[in-house]
Amino acid sequence: MSTYFWITLGSALGGVLRYALTRLTLDSSTNFPWGTILINVLGCFVIGFFGTLTFPGGRFEIPENIRLFVMVGLCGGFTTFSSFSLQTFDLLRTGEWSRALANVTLSVVLCLGSVALGHMVAHHSNKVFAVAANQEEEYTG
């Protein structure tokens, strides 16, 4: 039961953060969904970074409930793929084909890049932490 609690709490927090960031980017998202793209890119970075930094058997192994809180709850509640899909559909429906294509391209490329960047930063961080802890073993995660 506690697993569901942590996922629910993370989802709620992620949803509130998404709403707050959407409000902050409202003016710049009038003609193009920049806020949604930013939210998805940030969420992809977080899931790439956190997932790599805390993978089972890794240097910063943490309880599964915390991983689920962040990766399923927080990132799931924060990222906005359903919003992305609706906004892309609306652009297509209103004949804005080039904007729809730009939205799909930017979202996919930037979000995949953010997952990769988060992974690389966490991978490097694991190495730095190993050196800082004066550990002889080489990190290979």
Protein backbone atom coordinates (compact mmCIF):
# COMPACT_ATOMS: atom_id res chain seq x y z
CA MET A 1 0.00 0.00 0.00
CA SER A 2 2.82 2.43 0.73
CA THR A 3 4.02 2.10 -2.87
CA TYR A 4 0.74 3.56 -4.11
CA PHE A 5 0.98 6.34 -1.54
CA TRP A 6 4.44 7.40 -2.77
CA ILE A 7 3.39 7.29 -6.43
CA THR A 8 0.24 9.30 -5.64
CA LEU A 9 2.22 11.89 -3.68
CA GLY A 10 4.78 12.20 -6.48
CA SER A 11 2.04 12.52 -9.11
CA ALA A 12 0.31 15.26 -7.14
CA LEU A 13 3.55 17.18 -6.67
CA GLY A 14 4.45 16.73 -10.34
CA GLY A 15 1.03 17.98 -11.42
CA VAL A 16 1.30 21.09 -9.24
CA LEU A 17 4.80 21.79 -10.58
CA ARG A 18 3.56 21.36 -14.16
CA TYR A 19 0.71 23.80 -13.55
CA ALA A 20 3.05 26.36 -11.96
CA LEU A 21 5.53 26.15 -14.84
CA THR A 22 2.72 26.34 -17.38
CA ARG A 23 1.48 29.56 -15.74
CA LEU A 24 5.02 31.00 -15.81
CA THR A 25 5.40 30.29 -19.53
CA LEU A 26 1.87 31.26 -20.58
CA ASP A 27 2.88 34.48 -22.33
CA SER A 28 5.55 32.77 -24.45
CA SER A 29 3.24 29.88 -25.37
CA THR A 30 0.54 31.87 -27.17
CA ASN A 31 1.38 30.71 -30.70
CA PHE A 32 3.46 27.65 -29.90
CA PRO A 33 3.44 25.26 -26.89
CA TRP A 34 6.87 26.22 -25.50
CA GLY A 35 5.79 25.55 -21.92
CA THR A 36 4.84 21.96 -22.73
CA ILE A 37 8.13 21.38 -24.52
CA LEU A 38 10.08 22.82 -21.56
CA ILE A 39 8.16 20.65 -19.10
CA ASN A 40 8.78 17.50 -21.13
CA VAL A 41 12.48 18.28 -21.59
CA LEU A 42 12.95 18.92 -17.84
CA GLY A 43 11.02 15.77 -16.93
CA CYS A 44 13.09 13.72 -19.37
CA PHE A 45 16.32 15.09 -17.90
CA VAL A 46 15.17 14.28 -14.36
CA ILE A 47 14.17 10.71 -15.22
CA GLY A 48 17.43 10.13 -17.11
CA PHE A 49 19.55 11.62 -14.33
CA PHE A 50 17.73 10.09 -11.36
CA GLY A 51 17.29 6.69 -13.00
CA THR A 52 20.99 6.42 -13.76
CA LEU A 53 22.18 7.82 -10.44
CA THR A 54 20.03 5.46 -8.37
CA PHE A 55 19.77 2.29 -10.45
CA PRO A 56 19.57 -0.97 -8.48
CA GLY A 57 23.05 -2.13 -7.58
CA GLY A 58 24.53 1.31 -8.30
CA ARG A 59 26.50 3.69 -6.12
CA PHE A 60 23.41 5.51 -4.81
CA GLU A 61 20.98 2.65 -4.53
CA ILE A 62 17.86 3.90 -2.78
CA PRO A 63 14.61 2.26 -1.69
CA GLU A 64 12.30 1.30 -4.53
CA ASN A 65 9.51 3.49 -3.13
CA ILE A 66 11.68 6.60 -3.59
CA ARG A 67 12.54 5.59 -7.16
CA LEU A 68 8.83 5.10 -7.86
CA PHE A 69 8.00 8.43 -6.17
CA VAL A 70 10.38 10.29 -8.53
CA MET A 71 10.30 8.29 -11.75
CA VAL A 72 6.65 7.16 -11.88
CA GLY A 73 4.93 9.72 -9.66
CA LEU A 74 6.81 13.01 -9.96
CA CYS A 75 7.93 12.63 -13.58
CA GLY A 76 4.61 11.05 -14.60
CA GLY A 77 2.63 13.87 -13.02
CA PHE A 78 5.00 16.54 -14.32
CA THR A 79 5.52 15.61 -17.94
CA THR A 80 2.71 16.32 -20.33
CA PHE A 81 2.62 13.88 -23.20
CA SER A 82 -1.17 13.99 -23.28
CA SER A 83 -1.04 17.80 -23.48
CA PHE A 84 1.62 17.54 -26.18
CA SER A 85 -0.62 15.20 -28.18
CA LEU A 86 -3.69 17.40 -27.84
CA GLN A 87 -1.77 20.56 -28.79
CA THR A 88 -0.24 18.81 -31.80
CA PHE A 89 -3.67 17.55 -32.86
CA ASP A 90 -5.10 21.07 -32.51
CA LEU A 91 -2.30 22.46 -34.65
CA LEU A 92 -3.01 19.83 -37.31
CA ARG A 93 -6.77 20.37 -37.07
CA THR A 94 -6.37 24.10 -37.69
CA GLY A 95 -4.05 23.56 -40.64
CA GLU A 96 -0.84 24.55 -38.84
CA TRP A 97 1.11 21.64 -40.32
CA SER A 98 4.54 23.23 -40.03
CA ARG A 99 3.99 24.15 -36.37
CA ALA A 100 2.71 20.64 -35.64
CA LEU A 101 5.79 19.13 -37.27
CA ALA A 102 8.06 21.52 -35.37
CA ASN A 103 6.30 20.60 -32.10
CA VAL A 104 6.73 16.86 -32.71
CA THR A 105 10.34 17.22 -33.87
CA LEU A 106 11.44 19.53 -31.07
CA SER A 107 9.66 17.50 -28.40
CA VAL A 108 11.09 14.15 -29.50
CA VAL A 109 14.63 15.37 -30.19
CA LEU A 110 14.93 17.59 -27.11
CA CYS A 111 13.35 15.05 -24.76
CA LEU A 112 15.51 12.17 -25.98
CA GLY A 113 18.52 14.46 -25.71
CA SER A 114 17.52 15.40 -22.17
CA VAL A 115 17.25 11.76 -21.09
CA ALA A 116 20.70 11.14 -22.58
CA LEU A 117 22.13 14.27 -20.92
CA GLY A 118 20.64 13.31 -17.55
CA HIS A 119 22.14 9.84 -17.93
CA MET A 120 25.57 11.22 -18.82
CA VAL A 121 25.60 13.75 -15.97
CA ALA A 122 24.62 11.06 -13.46
CA HIS A 123 27.17 8.62 -14.90
CA HIS A 124 29.90 11.26 -14.56
CA SER A 125 28.66 12.14 -11.06
CA ASN A 126 28.94 8.50 -10.02
CA LYS A 127 32.60 8.54 -11.10
CA VAL A 128 33.26 11.82 -9.27
CA PHE A 129 31.63 10.52 -6.10
CA ALA A 130 33.71 7.34 -6.31
CA VAL A 131 36.94 9.37 -6.52
CA ALA A 132 35.77 11.66 -3.72
CA ALA A 133 35.13 8.64 -1.52
CA ASN A 134 38.67 7.37 -2.26
CA GLN A 135 37.36 4.12 -3.54
CA GLU A 136 39.75 1.97 -5.51
CA GLU A 137 37.12 0.27 -7.61
CA GLU A 138 36.28 1.84 -10.94
CA TYR A 139 32.67 2.72 -11.48
CA THR A 140 31.27 0.89 -14.52
CA GLY A 141 27.49 1.63 -14.29
